[in-house]
Amino acid sequence: MRTYQLVGADGRPYRSPTPGTWGGHRRTKIYGRLDCPSAHQALTRGHYTRHRVFFPDEPTAIAAGYRPCAVCCRDRYLGWKAAR
């Protein structure tokens, strides 16, 4: 059986039988959709991959201290920014 490495609400990695539904970048602490155009551009440049993490859902990404992507989660990002 294949397993996937996800990040939990405590920010620690764990193994899961199901893949993550949200992606993130460990260094910038930004999360977004798996089909994010900004993440895909960074992946093609090559340096993004080693810092990429995955979350089971959006609330877990938020609980782990990640902020929404300004590109693929524009409304969430604007809400996050206004709350700051």
C-alpha atoms as a PDB file:
ATOM      1  CA  MET A   1       0.000   0.000   0.000  1.00  0.00           C
ATOM      2  CA  ARG A   2       1.297   3.449  -0.910  1.00  0.00           C
ATOM      3  CA  THR A   3       1.616   6.075   1.820  1.00  0.00           C
ATOM      4  CA  TYR A   4       1.959   9.834   1.595  1.00  0.00           C
ATOM      5  CA  GLN A   5       3.768  12.216   3.882  1.00  0.00           C
ATOM      6  CA  LEU A   6       1.477  14.970   5.145  1.00  0.00           C
ATOM      7  CA  VAL A   7       1.886  17.746   7.703  1.00  0.00           C
ATOM      8  CA  GLY A   8      -0.439  17.824  10.692  1.00  0.00           C
ATOM      9  CA  ALA A   9      -1.921  20.743  12.608  1.00  0.00           C
ATOM     10  CA  ASP A  10       1.110  20.600  14.924  1.00  0.00           C
ATOM     11  CA  GLY A  11       3.415  21.190  11.932  1.00  0.00           C
ATOM     12  CA  ARG A  12       4.938  17.707  12.162  1.00  0.00           C
ATOM     13  CA  PRO A  13       5.047  15.242   9.269  1.00  0.00           C
ATOM     14  CA  TYR A  14       3.141  11.956   9.398  1.00  0.00           C
ATOM     15  CA  ARG A  15       2.322   9.111   7.002  1.00  0.00           C
ATOM     16  CA  SER A  16      -1.164   8.768   5.535  1.00  0.00           C
ATOM     17  CA  PRO A  17      -2.793   6.272   3.162  1.00  0.00           C
ATOM     18  CA  THR A  18      -4.542   9.183   1.395  1.00  0.00           C
ATOM     19  CA  PRO A  19      -2.807  12.048  -0.441  1.00  0.00           C
ATOM     20  CA  GLY A  20      -3.064  15.645   0.672  1.00  0.00           C
ATOM     21  CA  THR A  21      -5.645  17.971  -0.831  1.00  0.00           C
ATOM     22  CA  TRP A  22      -3.635  21.183  -0.239  1.00  0.00           C
ATOM     23  CA  GLY A  23       0.035  21.960  -0.814  1.00  0.00           C
ATOM     24  CA  GLY A  24       2.384  24.314   0.945  1.00  0.00           C
ATOM     25  CA  HIS A  25       5.917  25.615   1.082  1.00  0.00           C
ATOM     26  CA  ARG A  26       7.756  24.918   4.337  1.00  0.00           C
ATOM     27  CA  ARG A  27      10.058  27.962   4.213  1.00  0.00           C
ATOM     28  CA  THR A  28       7.519  30.636   3.248  1.00  0.00           C
ATOM     29  CA  LYS A  29       4.670  29.052   5.275  1.00  0.00           C
ATOM     30  CA  ILE A  30       2.201  29.553   2.395  1.00  0.00           C
ATOM     31  CA  TYR A  31      -0.462  26.990   1.458  1.00  0.00           C
ATOM     32  CA  GLY A  32      -2.628  26.714  -1.636  1.00  0.00           C
ATOM     33  CA  ARG A  33      -4.453  24.490  -4.068  1.00  0.00           C
ATOM     34  CA  LEU A  34      -2.550  21.663  -5.727  1.00  0.00           C
ATOM     35  CA  ASP A  35      -3.279  23.225  -9.138  1.00  0.00           C
ATOM     36  CA  CYS A  36      -1.935  26.674  -8.167  1.00  0.00           C
ATOM     37  CA  PRO A  37      -0.254  28.349 -11.173  1.00  0.00           C
ATOM     38  CA  SER A  38       2.265  30.073  -8.908  1.00  0.00           C
ATOM     39  CA  ALA A  39       3.342  26.778  -7.315  1.00  0.00           C
ATOM     40  CA  HIS A  40       3.604  25.140 -10.746  1.00  0.00           C
ATOM     41  CA  GLN A  41       5.898  27.936 -11.952  1.00  0.00           C
ATOM     42  CA  ALA A  42       8.093  27.498  -8.869  1.00  0.00           C
ATOM     43  CA  LEU A  43       8.163  23.723  -9.390  1.00  0.00           C
ATOM     44  CA  THR A  44       9.391  24.130 -12.966  1.00  0.00           C
ATOM     45  CA  ARG A  45      12.226  26.359 -11.739  1.00  0.00           C
ATOM     46  CA  GLY A  46      13.326  23.435  -9.557  1.00  0.00           C
ATOM     47  CA  HIS A  47      13.984  24.765  -6.067  1.00  0.00           C
ATOM     48  CA  TYR A  48      10.445  24.531  -4.727  1.00  0.00           C
ATOM     49  CA  THR A  49      10.210  20.731  -4.586  1.00  0.00           C
ATOM     50  CA  ARG A  50      12.414  20.080  -1.578  1.00  0.00           C
ATOM     51  CA  HIS A  51      10.404  22.502   0.590  1.00  0.00           C
ATOM     52  CA  ARG A  52       6.970  21.384  -0.569  1.00  0.00           C
ATOM     53  CA  VAL A  53       4.589  19.905   1.988  1.00  0.00           C
ATOM     54  CA  PHE A  54       1.038  18.563   1.801  1.00  0.00           C
ATOM     55  CA  PHE A  55      -1.973  18.899   4.081  1.00  0.00           C
ATOM     56  CA  PRO A  56      -5.068  16.717   4.413  1.00  0.00           C
ATOM     57  CA  ASP A  57      -7.315  19.805   4.383  1.00  0.00           C
ATOM     58  CA  GLU A  58      -7.281  23.584   4.612  1.00  0.00           C
ATOM     59  CA  PRO A  59      -8.018  23.864   8.368  1.00  0.00           C
ATOM     60  CA  THR A  60      -4.921  21.752   9.059  1.00  0.00           C
ATOM     61  CA  ALA A  61      -2.745  24.068   6.955  1.00  0.00           C
ATOM     62  CA  ILE A  62      -4.056  27.076   8.875  1.00  0.00           C
ATOM     63  CA  ALA A  63      -3.585  25.352  12.248  1.00  0.00           C
ATOM     64  CA  ALA A  64       0.021  24.532  11.269  1.00  0.00           C
ATOM     65  CA  GLY A  65       0.673  28.270  10.858  1.00  0.00           C
ATOM     66  CA  TYR A  66       0.514  28.594   7.070  1.00  0.00           C
ATOM     67  CA  ARG A  67      -1.132  31.531   5.302  1.00  0.00           C
ATOM     68  CA  PRO A  68      -3.210  31.375   2.106  1.00  0.00           C
ATOM     69  CA  CYS A  69      -1.605  31.873  -1.306  1.00  0.00           C
ATOM     70  CA  ALA A  70      -2.306  35.279  -2.846  1.00  0.00           C
ATOM     71  CA  VAL A  71      -2.658  33.698  -6.302  1.00  0.00           C
ATOM     72  CA  CYS A  72      -4.898  30.636  -5.985  1.00  0.00           C
ATOM     73  CA  CYS A  73      -6.678  31.593  -2.735  1.00  0.00           C
ATOM     74  CA  ARG A  74      -7.101  35.302  -3.413  1.00  0.00           C
ATOM     75  CA  ASP A  75     -10.241  35.840  -1.289  1.00  0.00           C
ATOM     76  CA  ARG A  76      -8.820  33.896   1.651  1.00  0.00           C
ATOM     77  CA  TYR A  77      -5.536  35.793   1.315  1.00  0.00           C
ATOM     78  CA  LEU A  78      -7.294  39.181   1.332  1.00  0.00           C
ATOM     79  CA  GLY A  79      -9.232  38.126   4.449  1.00  0.00           C
ATOM     80  CA  TRP A  80      -6.018  36.955   6.104  1.00  0.00           C
ATOM     81  CA  LYS A  81      -4.259  40.205   5.196  1.00  0.00           C
ATOM     82  CA  ALA A  82      -7.146  42.369   6.468  1.00  0.00           C
ATOM     83  CA  ALA A  83      -7.093  40.493   9.779  1.00  0.00           C
ATOM     84  CA  ARG A  84      -3.432  41.429  10.217  1.00  0.00           C
END
